[in-house]
Protein backbone atom coordinates (compact mmCIF):
# COMPACT_ATOMS: atom_id res chain seq x y z
CA VAL A 1 28.21 48.59 10.79
CA VAL A 2 29.26 51.56 8.76
CA ASP A 3 30.90 51.40 5.33
CA ASN A 4 31.69 53.50 2.24
CA VAL A 5 31.59 56.93 4.01
CA ARG A 6 31.93 59.95 1.68
CA ILE A 7 31.80 63.72 2.33
CA PHE A 8 31.08 65.67 -0.88
CA ASN A 9 29.14 68.50 -2.50
CA ASP A 10 25.98 67.40 -4.24
CA PRO A 11 26.98 66.74 -7.85
CA ASN A 12 25.13 68.26 -10.76
CA ASN A 13 25.33 64.98 -12.79
CA ASP A 14 24.92 61.71 -11.03
CA VAL A 15 22.44 58.91 -12.00
CA ARG A 16 22.46 55.35 -10.81
CA ILE A 17 20.47 52.07 -10.93
CA SER A 18 18.38 51.74 -7.78
CA GLY A 19 16.39 48.63 -8.60
CA ILE A 20 15.83 45.76 -11.06
CA THR A 21 12.64 43.90 -11.71
CA THR A 22 11.74 41.12 -14.16
CA THR A 23 8.61 39.48 -15.42
CA LEU A 24 9.62 36.29 -13.61
CA ASP A 25 7.10 35.23 -10.97
CA GLY A 26 9.75 33.77 -8.68
CA ASP A 27 8.66 30.15 -8.84
CA GLU A 28 9.22 29.21 -12.50
CA PRO A 29 10.63 25.84 -13.26
CA ALA A 30 13.04 25.21 -16.13
CA GLY A 31 11.90 25.47 -19.70
CA VAL A 32 9.33 28.21 -19.15
CA ALA A 33 10.95 31.60 -19.01
CA THR A 34 12.39 31.84 -22.50
CA ALA A 35 11.56 35.43 -23.21
CA GLU A 36 11.43 37.65 -20.11
CA LYS A 37 11.58 41.45 -19.76
CA ILE A 38 13.88 43.31 -17.41
CA THR A 39 13.05 46.76 -16.07
CA VAL A 40 15.51 48.96 -14.19
CA THR A 41 14.75 51.89 -11.91
CA ILE A 42 16.94 54.90 -12.56
CA PHE A 43 17.54 57.36 -9.70
CA ASN A 44 18.89 60.93 -10.23
CA GLU A 45 21.21 61.85 -7.39
CA GLY A 46 22.30 65.06 -9.10
CA LEU A 47 21.08 68.62 -9.15
CA ASP A 48 20.37 68.62 -12.92
CA ASP A 49 17.72 66.77 -14.90
CA GLN A 50 19.16 63.99 -17.09
CA SER A 51 18.12 62.41 -20.37
CA ASN A 52 19.51 60.48 -23.36
CA PHE A 53 22.07 58.30 -21.75
CA ASP A 54 22.94 54.57 -22.07
CA VAL A 55 21.85 51.90 -19.71
CA ASN A 56 23.66 48.52 -19.62
CA ILE A 57 22.35 45.10 -18.62
CA GLU A 58 24.25 41.94 -18.07
CA VAL A 59 22.64 38.51 -17.26
CA THR A 60 24.93 35.65 -16.16
CA GLY A 61 23.44 32.26 -15.62
CA PRO A 62 23.94 28.60 -16.23
CA ASN A 63 23.61 29.19 -20.04
CA GLY A 64 26.30 31.88 -20.17
CA THR A 65 26.35 35.69 -20.15
CA VAL A 66 24.13 38.02 -22.22
CA THR A 67 24.65 41.78 -22.35
CA ALA A 68 22.68 44.65 -23.81
CA THR A 69 23.07 48.45 -24.02
CA GLU A 70 20.13 50.65 -24.77
CA THR A 71 19.51 54.36 -24.60
CA TYR A 72 17.16 55.89 -22.09
CA THR A 73 15.43 58.69 -23.96
CA GLY A 74 13.20 59.91 -21.17
CA THR A 75 13.97 62.57 -18.54
CA VAL A 76 14.86 61.83 -14.90
CA ALA A 77 14.20 64.97 -12.80
CA ALA A 78 16.78 65.96 -10.19
CA GLY A 79 16.20 63.87 -7.06
CA GLY A 80 13.58 61.76 -8.86
CA ASN A 81 13.38 58.34 -10.52
CA ASP A 82 12.07 56.70 -13.59
CA THR A 83 11.87 53.15 -14.97
CA TYR A 84 13.16 51.76 -18.15
CA GLU A 85 12.23 48.39 -19.74
CA PHE A 86 14.77 46.84 -22.05
CA THR A 87 13.43 46.02 -25.47
CA ASP A 88 15.47 42.80 -25.62
CA ASP A 89 13.99 39.63 -24.25
CA PHE A 90 16.12 37.50 -21.90
CA ASN A 91 16.18 33.73 -21.64
CA PHE A 92 15.88 32.19 -18.13
CA SER A 93 14.84 28.73 -19.36
CA VAL A 94 17.80 26.74 -17.74
CA ALA A 95 17.47 25.84 -14.08
CA GLY A 96 19.90 27.55 -11.79
CA THR A 97 20.96 30.92 -10.39
CA TYR A 98 21.12 34.13 -12.57
CA THR A 99 22.93 37.30 -11.63
CA ILE A 100 21.43 40.45 -13.25
CA THR A 101 23.63 43.49 -13.19
CA ALA A 102 22.46 46.90 -14.50
CA SER A 103 24.42 50.17 -14.74
CA THR A 104 24.09 53.67 -16.07
CA ALA A 105 26.53 55.30 -18.55
CA LEU A 106 25.92 59.07 -18.22
CA THR A 107 28.73 60.77 -20.12
CA ASN A 108 29.48 63.39 -17.53
CA ASP A 109 28.55 61.43 -14.47
CA GLU A 110 30.48 62.86 -11.52
CA VAL A 111 30.01 59.76 -9.18
CA THR A 112 30.50 56.56 -11.05
CA ASP A 113 31.06 54.18 -8.20
CA ASN A 114 27.26 54.12 -7.59
CA ASP A 115 26.16 53.46 -11.15
CA GLU A 116 25.80 49.67 -10.85
CA PHE A 117 23.14 47.54 -9.16
CA ASP A 118 22.69 43.82 -9.23
CA THR A 119 20.19 41.24 -8.10
CA LYS A 120 19.62 37.49 -8.51
CA ALA A 121 16.91 35.36 -10.10
CA TYR A 122 16.32 31.62 -9.58
CA ILE A 123 14.82 29.09 -11.91
CA PHE A 124 13.73 25.79 -10.31
CA SER A 125 14.95 22.45 -11.57
CA ILE A 126 12.45 19.91 -12.93
CA TYR A 127 12.22 16.18 -12.08
CA ALA A 128 12.06 14.53 -15.45
CA GLY A 129 12.34 10.87 -14.35
CA SER A 130 9.73 8.17 -14.30
CA LEU A 131 7.07 7.49 -11.76
CA PRO A 132 6.79 6.50 -8.98
CA PHE A 133 8.83 9.44 -7.60
CA TYR A 134 10.05 8.93 -4.05
CA GLU A 135 12.07 11.14 -1.66
CA ASP A 136 12.80 10.17 1.91
CA PHE A 137 15.56 12.76 2.46
CA GLU A 138 17.94 10.11 3.77
CA SER A 139 20.75 11.20 1.40
CA GLN A 140 20.69 14.73 2.81
CA ALA A 141 23.14 15.56 5.60
CA THR A 142 21.51 16.76 8.80
CA ILE A 143 21.22 20.53 8.65
CA GLN A 144 19.55 22.31 11.59
CA SER A 145 18.87 25.53 9.65
CA PHE A 146 18.75 25.96 5.92
CA GLN A 147 18.19 29.70 5.30
CA GLN A 148 19.85 30.60 2.09
CA THR A 149 18.84 33.03 -0.57
CA GLU A 150 19.40 30.45 -3.27
CA PRO A 151 16.33 28.14 -3.11
CA ILE A 152 17.92 24.96 -4.55
CA LEU A 153 17.89 22.23 -1.89
CA PRO A 154 21.10 20.22 -1.74
CA GLY A 155 21.30 16.57 -1.53
CA VAL A 156 17.69 15.77 -2.61
CA SER A 157 16.01 14.81 -5.85
CA SER A 158 15.96 17.23 -8.68
CA GLY A 159 12.81 19.32 -8.79
CA PHE A 160 12.96 20.52 -5.20
CA ALA A 161 13.23 24.21 -4.30
CA TYR A 162 12.70 26.15 -1.01
CA VAL A 163 11.55 29.77 -0.63
CA TYR A 164 11.08 31.37 2.75
CA GLY A 165 10.13 34.74 4.21
CA ALA A 166 11.81 36.49 7.09
CA GLY A 167 11.61 34.26 10.16
CA GLY A 168 10.97 31.04 8.27
CA ARG A 169 13.36 28.03 8.39
CA LEU A 170 13.80 24.62 6.80
CA ALA A 171 15.87 21.95 8.48
CA PHE A 172 16.83 18.38 7.68
CA ARG A 173 16.40 16.62 11.00
CA SER A 174 16.59 13.09 12.36
CA ASP A 175 16.00 13.77 16.09
CA PHE A 176 12.39 12.92 16.08
CA PRO A 177 10.35 10.42 14.05
CA VAL A 178 7.59 11.08 11.52
CA ARG A 179 6.63 7.51 10.77
CA PRO A 180 8.11 5.06 13.32
CA GLY A 181 11.45 3.89 12.12
CA SER A 182 12.00 6.69 9.64
CA GLY A 183 15.17 8.74 9.52
CA LYS A 184 15.65 12.20 8.20
CA LYS A 185 12.83 14.48 7.15
CA ILE A 186 12.23 18.21 6.32
CA ALA A 187 11.12 20.28 9.16
CA LEU A 188 9.45 23.71 8.66
CA ASP A 189 9.28 26.14 11.56
CA ASN A 190 9.58 29.81 12.43
CA PRO A 191 12.34 30.69 14.86
CA GLY A 192 12.44 34.32 13.68
CA GLY A 193 8.94 35.01 15.11
CA GLY A 194 7.04 34.69 11.80
CA GLY A 195 7.49 34.13 8.16
CA ILE A 196 6.30 31.70 5.50
CA ASN A 197 8.03 28.52 4.31
CA ARG A 198 7.31 27.01 0.93
CA VAL A 199 8.84 23.86 -0.52
CA TYR A 200 8.30 23.38 -4.27
CA LEU A 201 8.46 20.20 -6.28
CA SER A 202 8.39 20.81 -10.10
CA MET A 203 7.86 17.74 -12.31
CA ASP A 204 7.65 16.97 -16.02
CA LEU A 205 4.40 14.95 -16.10
CA SER A 206 3.61 15.71 -19.75
CA ALA A 207 3.27 11.99 -20.44
CA TYR A 208 0.20 11.79 -18.22
CA ASP A 209 -3.37 12.92 -18.75
CA THR A 210 -6.06 13.46 -16.19
CA LEU A 211 -8.57 11.55 -18.34
CA THR A 212 -6.52 8.34 -18.22
CA ASN A 213 -4.10 8.65 -15.40
CA ASN A 214 -4.91 8.86 -11.71
CA LEU A 215 -1.78 10.30 -9.92
CA ASN A 216 -1.62 10.53 -6.19
CA LEU A 217 0.60 12.31 -3.68
CA SER A 218 1.39 10.26 -0.52
CA PHE A 219 3.42 11.46 2.45
CA ASP A 220 3.84 11.40 6.21
CA TRP A 221 3.75 14.51 8.38
CA PHE A 222 4.22 15.33 12.04
CA ASP A 223 2.45 18.13 13.93
CA HIS A 224 4.74 19.91 16.41
CA GLY A 225 1.89 22.04 17.74
CA ASP A 226 1.57 24.25 14.67
CA GLU A 227 -1.29 26.70 14.91
CA GLY A 228 -3.63 26.78 11.98
CA ASN A 229 -2.85 29.35 9.21
CA ALA A 230 -4.18 29.79 5.76
CA GLU A 231 -0.71 29.06 4.34
CA ASP A 232 -0.47 25.68 6.06
CA VAL A 233 -1.55 23.69 2.94
CA ILE A 234 -0.37 21.61 0.13
CA GLU A 235 -1.21 22.92 -3.30
CA VAL A 236 -0.82 21.71 -6.87
CA ARG A 237 -1.10 23.21 -10.33
CA GLY A 238 -1.01 21.52 -13.74
CA SER A 239 1.55 24.02 -15.12
CA SER A 240 3.48 27.01 -13.93
CA GLU A 241 0.92 29.19 -15.71
CA ASP A 242 -2.06 27.84 -13.86
CA ALA A 243 -3.57 28.86 -10.58
CA TRP A 244 -2.72 26.97 -7.40
CA ILE A 245 -5.23 24.33 -6.08
CA GLU A 246 -5.34 23.30 -2.49
CA ILE A 247 -5.33 19.50 -2.08
CA TYR A 248 -4.50 19.17 1.64
CA ASP A 249 -4.96 21.38 4.69
CA PHE A 250 -2.53 20.75 7.61
CA ALA A 251 -4.63 22.79 10.00
CA ALA A 252 -7.87 21.00 9.19
CA ASN A 253 -6.19 17.67 9.85
CA THR A 254 -4.06 18.59 12.88
CA ASN A 255 -2.95 15.84 15.18
CA ASN A 256 -0.74 17.52 17.67
CA GLY A 257 2.14 15.42 18.77
CA ALA A 258 1.48 12.57 16.30
CA HIS A 259 2.26 11.58 12.73
CA THR A 260 -0.43 11.35 10.01
CA LEU A 261 -0.29 9.21 6.86
CA VAL A 262 -1.87 10.90 3.83
CA ASN A 263 -2.75 9.90 0.28
CA VAL A 264 -4.56 12.47 -1.96
CA SER A 265 -5.46 12.48 -5.61
CA ILE A 266 -3.60 15.02 -7.79
CA THR A 267 -5.71 13.98 -10.76
CA ASP A 268 -9.00 14.76 -9.03
CA ALA A 269 -7.79 18.22 -8.02
CA LEU A 270 -6.61 19.13 -11.56
CA LYS A 271 -9.74 17.79 -13.17
CA GLY A 272 -11.95 19.78 -10.78
CA ALA A 273 -10.09 22.92 -11.80
CA LEU A 274 -10.08 22.09 -15.51
CA GLN A 275 -6.31 21.77 -15.45
CA ASN A 276 -4.05 18.96 -16.79
CA PHE A 277 -0.58 17.59 -16.34
CA SER A 278 2.19 19.25 -18.16
CA SER A 279 5.98 19.54 -18.44
CA THR A 280 5.87 22.09 -15.55
CA THR A 281 3.44 20.57 -13.09
CA GLN A 282 4.16 21.81 -9.57
CA ILE A 283 3.44 20.80 -5.97
CA ARG A 284 3.88 23.39 -3.15
CA ILE A 285 4.07 22.64 0.60
CA GLY A 286 3.36 25.76 2.69
CA GLN A 287 3.74 26.47 6.43
CA THR A 288 3.78 29.66 8.52
CA ASP A 289 3.67 30.40 12.31
CA ASN A 290 5.71 32.29 14.90
CA PHE A 291 7.74 29.82 16.99
CA PRO A 292 10.36 27.07 16.39
CA ILE A 293 9.92 23.31 16.87
CA ASN A 294 8.66 21.97 19.39
CA THR A 295 6.19 24.79 19.88
CA ASP A 296 5.20 25.25 16.27
CA GLY A 297 6.03 23.73 12.92
CA ILE A 298 5.52 20.58 10.88
CA SER A 299 7.76 17.87 9.47
CA VAL A 300 7.22 16.00 6.24
CA ASP A 301 8.82 12.71 5.08
CA ASN A 302 8.46 9.79 2.60
CA LEU A 303 6.99 11.79 -0.24
CA TYR A 304 5.67 9.83 -3.19
CA VAL A 305 4.14 10.90 -6.43
CA HIS A 306 2.71 7.74 -8.06
CA GLU A 307 0.01 6.30 -10.17
CA SER A 308 -2.94 5.07 -8.15
CA ILE A 309 -3.23 1.36 -7.74
CA SER A 310 -5.84 -0.38 -9.83
CA ALA A 311 -7.17 -3.90 -10.04
CA THR A 312 -8.63 -5.90 -12.82
CA GLN A 313 -10.26 -9.31 -12.41
CA ASP A 314 -10.64 -12.47 -14.42
CA GLU A 315 -13.56 -12.35 -16.82
CA SER A 316 -16.71 -14.53 -16.75
CA LEU A 317 -16.03 -15.97 -13.38
CA THR A 318 -18.02 -19.15 -12.73
CA ILE A 319 -17.22 -21.97 -10.29
CA GLU A 320 -18.89 -25.38 -10.39
CA GLU A 321 -20.57 -26.46 -7.21
CA ASN A 322 -18.85 -28.80 -4.81
CA ALA A 323 -15.84 -26.49 -4.48
CA VAL A 324 -14.35 -26.88 -1.02
CA ALA A 325 -12.64 -24.51 1.37
CA GLY A 326 -9.35 -23.20 -0.01
CA ASP A 327 -10.24 -23.64 -3.70
CA VAL A 328 -9.28 -20.52 -5.69
CA VAL A 329 -12.29 -18.88 -7.34
CA GLY A 330 -10.48 -16.19 -9.31
CA SER A 331 -7.77 -13.55 -9.03
CA PHE A 332 -7.30 -9.78 -9.54
CA THR A 333 -4.27 -8.21 -11.09
CA VAL A 334 -3.21 -5.26 -8.99
CA GLU A 335 -1.07 -2.64 -10.84
CA ASN A 336 1.00 0.34 -9.74
CA ALA A 337 1.54 -0.82 -6.23
CA ILE A 338 4.74 0.29 -4.55
CA GLY A 339 4.56 -1.53 -1.25
CA ASN A 340 2.95 -4.78 -0.17
CA ILE A 341 -0.82 -5.14 -0.99
CA SER A 342 -3.45 -6.09 1.58
CA ALA A 343 -7.09 -6.81 0.71
CA ASN A 344 -10.38 -6.67 2.61
CA LEU A 345 -13.64 -8.18 1.45
CA LEU A 346 -16.19 -5.38 1.84
CA THR A 347 -19.14 -7.65 1.13
CA PRO A 348 -18.72 -10.44 3.71
CA THR A 349 -20.21 -13.81 2.94
CA PRO A 350 -19.62 -17.20 4.58
CA TYR A 351 -18.87 -18.73 1.19
CA PHE A 352 -15.90 -16.69 -0.02
CA GLU A 353 -12.85 -14.83 1.47
CA VAL A 354 -9.55 -13.23 0.55
CA GLY A 355 -6.84 -15.94 0.23
CA ASN A 356 -3.30 -15.96 1.57
CA ASN A 357 -2.40 -14.20 -1.68
CA PRO A 358 -4.36 -11.02 -1.34
CA GLU A 359 -5.09 -10.87 -5.07
CA GLU A 360 -6.99 -14.20 -4.85
CA ILE A 361 -10.56 -15.01 -3.76
CA VAL A 362 -10.96 -18.52 -2.40
CA VAL A 363 -13.86 -20.66 -1.20
CA SER A 364 -14.41 -20.62 2.53
CA GLN A 365 -16.93 -23.50 2.79
CA PHE A 366 -18.38 -26.27 0.64
CA LEU A 367 -20.51 -24.94 -2.21
CA ASP A 368 -23.65 -26.89 -2.92
CA TYR A 369 -25.64 -25.56 -5.82
CA GLU A 370 -29.04 -26.78 -4.60
CA ASP A 371 -28.48 -25.32 -1.13
CA LEU A 372 -27.34 -21.99 -2.52
CA LEU A 373 -30.30 -21.86 -4.90
CA ALA A 374 -32.68 -22.32 -1.93
CA GLY A 375 -30.80 -19.73 0.12
CA PRO A 376 -28.73 -16.66 -0.85
CA GLY A 377 -28.66 -17.46 -4.56
CA VAL A 378 -25.90 -18.59 -6.83
CA VAL A 379 -24.51 -15.20 -7.98
CA PHE A 380 -22.25 -13.21 -5.64
CA ASP A 381 -20.94 -9.69 -6.03
CA LEU A 382 -17.69 -9.47 -4.10
CA ASP A 383 -16.28 -6.01 -3.55
CA VAL A 384 -12.61 -6.03 -2.54
CA GLU A 385 -10.70 -3.03 -1.24
CA PHE A 386 -6.97 -3.12 -1.91
CA THR A 387 -4.47 -1.07 0.06
CA ASP A 388 -0.89 -0.24 -0.77
CA GLU A 389 0.66 -0.54 2.61
CA LEU A 390 3.44 1.88 1.70
CA THR A 391 1.54 4.75 0.17
CA PHE A 392 -1.90 4.05 1.80
CA ASP A 393 -3.50 4.24 -1.65
CA THR A 394 -6.68 2.22 -1.92
CA TYR A 395 -8.79 0.81 -4.80
CA THR A 396 -12.03 -1.06 -4.76
CA ALA A 397 -12.76 -3.65 -7.43
CA ARG A 398 -15.67 -6.02 -7.86
CA MET A 399 -15.57 -9.72 -8.64
CA THR A 400 -18.89 -11.35 -9.70
CA VAL A 401 -18.99 -15.08 -9.20
CA GLU A 402 -21.65 -17.53 -10.30
CA VAL A 403 -21.87 -21.03 -8.79
CA THR A 404 -23.01 -23.49 -11.45
CA ASP A 405 -24.74 -26.90 -11.25
CA ASP A 406 -22.57 -29.94 -11.74
CA GLY A 407 -25.33 -31.76 -13.62
CA PHE A 408 -25.56 -34.63 -11.20
CA THR A 409 -28.57 -35.62 -9.14
CA ALA A 410 -28.37 -35.04 -5.41
CA PHE A 411 -25.84 -37.25 -3.70
CA THR A 412 -27.54 -39.20 -0.86
CA ALA A 413 -26.92 -42.20 1.33
CA PRO A 414 -29.95 -44.12 2.74
CA LEU A 415 -30.02 -45.59 6.19
CA ALA A 416 -28.35 -48.95 5.93
CA GLN A 417 -29.14 -52.02 8.05
CA ILE A 418 -26.70 -54.97 8.12
CA SER A 419 -26.87 -58.24 10.08
CA THR A 420 -23.86 -60.32 10.80
CA GLU A 421 -23.30 -63.44 12.88
CA GLU A 422 -20.84 -63.24 15.72
CA ASN A 423 -17.37 -64.73 15.63
CA LYS A 424 -16.20 -62.57 12.75
CA VAL A 425 -12.43 -62.00 12.95
CA LYS A 426 -10.31 -59.04 11.96
CA GLY A 427 -10.48 -58.56 8.15
CA ASP A 428 -13.86 -60.30 7.62
CA VAL A 429 -16.17 -58.29 5.37
CA ILE A 430 -19.65 -57.93 6.90
CA GLY A 431 -21.29 -55.71 4.26
CA GLN A 432 -20.91 -52.74 1.94
CA LEU A 433 -21.93 -49.13 1.83
CA ALA A 434 -24.55 -47.93 -0.62
CA ALA A 435 -25.23 -44.36 -1.98
CA THR A 436 -27.39 -42.90 -4.68
CA GLY A 437 -27.02 -39.96 -7.06
CA GLY A 438 -23.81 -37.88 -7.45
CA SER A 439 -21.13 -39.13 -9.78
CA GLY A 440 -21.64 -42.77 -8.75
CA THR A 441 -18.07 -43.03 -7.40
CA PHE A 442 -17.80 -42.67 -3.68
CA SER A 443 -15.93 -43.84 -0.61
CA GLY A 444 -16.78 -43.80 3.06
CA SER A 445 -15.15 -43.54 6.47
CA ILE A 446 -16.48 -44.31 9.92
CA VAL A 447 -16.23 -41.33 12.21
CA ASN A 448 -17.22 -42.83 15.56
CA ALA A 449 -15.53 -45.52 17.60
CA THR A 450 -16.72 -49.04 16.58
CA PRO A 451 -15.14 -52.53 16.10
CA PHE A 452 -15.42 -51.98 12.29
CA VAL A 453 -13.53 -50.03 9.62
CA ILE A 454 -13.98 -49.26 5.97
CA GLN A 455 -11.67 -50.82 3.45
CA ASN A 456 -11.52 -50.41 -0.34
CA GLY A 457 -13.78 -47.40 0.03
CA ILE A 458 -17.02 -49.25 0.61
CA ASP A 459 -16.38 -52.52 2.40
CA ILE A 460 -17.34 -52.70 6.11
CA VAL A 461 -14.74 -54.94 7.82
CA ALA A 462 -14.33 -56.28 11.25
CA ASN A 463 -11.38 -54.71 13.00
CA GLU A 464 -11.40 -57.17 15.97
CA PHE A 465 -13.08 -60.40 17.00
CA ILE A 466 -16.82 -59.97 17.13
CA ASP A 467 -18.33 -61.73 20.16
CA TYR A 468 -22.08 -61.59 20.65
CA GLU A 469 -21.94 -62.11 24.50
CA LYS A 470 -19.53 -59.25 24.85
CA ILE A 471 -21.48 -56.88 22.65
CA ILE A 472 -24.80 -57.40 24.47
CA GLU A 473 -23.14 -56.39 27.73
CA SER A 474 -23.83 -52.81 26.41
CA GLY A 475 -27.57 -53.67 26.48
CA SER A 476 -28.03 -54.11 22.75
CA ALA A 477 -26.70 -56.29 19.93
CA GLN A 478 -26.93 -53.34 17.51
CA ILE A 479 -23.81 -51.25 16.69
CA ASP A 480 -24.46 -47.81 15.05
CA LEU A 481 -21.78 -46.67 12.56
CA THR A 482 -21.73 -42.93 11.70
CA VAL A 483 -20.34 -42.84 8.14
CA ASP A 484 -19.16 -39.92 5.94
CA TYR A 485 -19.97 -40.77 2.32
CA TYR A 486 -17.58 -38.78 -0.04
CA ASP A 487 -18.23 -38.41 -3.72
CA GLU A 488 -14.85 -38.79 -5.36
CA VAL A 489 -15.82 -36.63 -8.37
CA THR A 490 -18.02 -33.90 -6.96
CA ARG A 491 -16.23 -33.93 -3.49
CA GLU A 492 -19.60 -33.72 -1.78
CA THR A 493 -19.96 -35.32 1.62
CA VAL A 494 -23.12 -36.68 3.24
CA THR A 495 -23.34 -38.35 6.62
CA GLN A 496 -25.50 -41.29 7.44
CA LEU A 497 -26.05 -44.10 9.92
CA VAL A 498 -25.29 -47.80 9.18
CA GLU A 499 -26.96 -50.07 11.71
CA VAL A 500 -25.06 -53.38 12.22
CA THR A 501 -26.83 -56.14 14.23
CA VAL A 502 -24.67 -58.91 15.54
CA THR A 503 -26.50 -62.27 15.94
CA ASP A 504 -25.84 -65.11 18.34
CA ASP A 505 -24.28 -68.33 16.82
CA GLY A 506 -26.29 -70.60 19.28
CA VAL A 507 -23.19 -72.09 20.85
CA THR A 508 -22.62 -71.61 24.55
CA ALA A 509 -19.59 -69.66 25.52
CA LEU A 510 -16.21 -71.36 25.52
CA ASN A 511 -15.01 -71.99 29.08
CA VAL A 512 -11.54 -73.02 30.22
CA ALA A 513 -10.55 -73.21 33.84
CA ASN A 514 -7.26 -71.78 35.07
CA GLN A 515 -4.59 -74.13 36.30
CA VAL A 516 -1.62 -73.69 38.59
CA VAL A 517 1.30 -76.06 37.91
CA THR A 518 4.52 -76.67 39.84
CA THR A 519 7.47 -78.27 38.18
CA SER A 520 11.18 -78.81 39.06
CA GLU A 521 14.05 -77.05 37.39
CA THR A 522 15.25 -80.34 35.90
CA THR A 523 12.05 -81.00 33.90
CA ALA A 524 13.01 -82.09 30.42
CA PRO A 525 11.76 -80.36 27.29
CA GLY A 526 8.54 -82.00 26.00
CA THR A 527 7.38 -83.03 29.50
CA ILE A 528 3.54 -82.46 29.86
CA LEU A 529 2.96 -80.10 32.64
CA ALA A 530 -0.84 -79.70 32.54
CA THR A 531 -3.84 -80.66 30.48
CA PHE A 532 -6.62 -78.15 29.86
CA ASN A 533 -10.25 -79.35 29.52
CA PRO A 534 -12.24 -76.73 27.63
CA SER A 535 -16.03 -76.99 28.01
CA ASP A 536 -18.91 -75.65 25.86
CA GLY A 537 -18.11 -73.81 22.60
CA SER A 538 -18.26 -75.74 19.32
CA GLY A 539 -16.14 -78.63 20.62
CA ASN A 540 -13.28 -78.06 18.18
CA PHE A 541 -10.44 -76.32 19.94
CA SER A 542 -6.89 -75.18 19.32
CA ALA A 543 -4.60 -73.34 21.66
CA LYS A 544 -1.40 -71.26 21.80
CA VAL A 545 0.71 -69.61 24.39
CA ILE A 546 0.18 -65.86 24.13
CA ASN A 547 2.53 -64.52 26.79
CA ASN A 548 6.35 -64.59 26.62
CA SER A 549 7.08 -67.79 28.43
CA ASP A 550 9.71 -70.50 28.23
């Protein structure tokens, strides 16, 4: 491409601006660059040395246009160049794009169409909202290649900016996942055969302090086969004036063809470098390589800046003995969680566990003070690790629990022996349960199969007709009842045997012979069909028809 062709004699008088530099670093966020210097390079195209001519500067940005004219008092030799720094300071404190235009004003300049030169400067925006900060890039349209001189990223949260070198590229893509189920993400690769990519996030975190606030960075990333480079890191700095601190190395954590979930502490990094949060805290994601995705490159999604979760527990936690499985011992209060919380007991014990509510510790088996005192002890240090399932942030807190004595003597039930004569019918009380110690209020239940039940908590009652001759068919007149004694106050349970011996009443067994009777269909009601003649037994009889007969 050819343009602006001229054929001319070398002029005697011709100066022009050939370059513009500023004291900007190129990654300043808003609010910082309030008094910057601008330096121009003056080139003498003519045959004569030149001096004492005006130089103009114009800066147009989001806060308006500022102009200045100053006199260059030096001498630019023919064919040479010199620099001139304007004495005025220039304000670049507002985020956005600035156009800087400089020109010479040599009185007898013979070629004026080359006097002017312009360049651009960019000031990053700052995220000034509250935490947690979250960006999932879902509001951004899919862009396969974002390679623009202006670093402001469209469609994402304020505070983001993108700077790249030749060959670098950023894209907003949704054609491959980072975390399963995720949508769009930023992809950094190098289709031009090389070049660095840098994504900046500038934040006003002046309300936070490294001594009292633990801020974390959480994100997902996918490795597309990126080869390790020194620039493949995430860095942070407390302010735009501070040095960058590496907090995560992509190359050192490579997982080719897979996504990785990351949670790192910003606070720890800043404290280690003697930095603190400020109104211009910055995070920088870097990547460089020499091929496009899917040969090189990384993708990043679901970026959070958030306070680390923390947990506080109930104070002076004691639980009286006789607590049973499911009783809540105490609870933690988990703060700053963004997603659902899960909990893991790091000090496993058969007596306590995390409840259905992950912030609660519950009893997992009956607690008996005397047994604990003779065994593991009555004080338990329970370390619980809490995890935010969205940011993968973790926090470990300790709950100390002491099991206390209820003040009652040991609850026991002695072996009981009861004798009852046969011929008891359903509902007859044959004896009562007895227990010692505990609260003094208890009830019992029979746990094995017997012809007896417990009523009113302590009464042993026949549940069917008790016949001695039938019982001794098993080889013994003794029936063993396995009874659970339950203390109604302390909820303690002890198990004991109750031996019930059934005695013979001395009367021979009642005997009645079967009869077969034939009658005609015309038999009148009230007609005697048969007469039974019972033998043995007590001699006093009654009878009833027990089947459904006319």
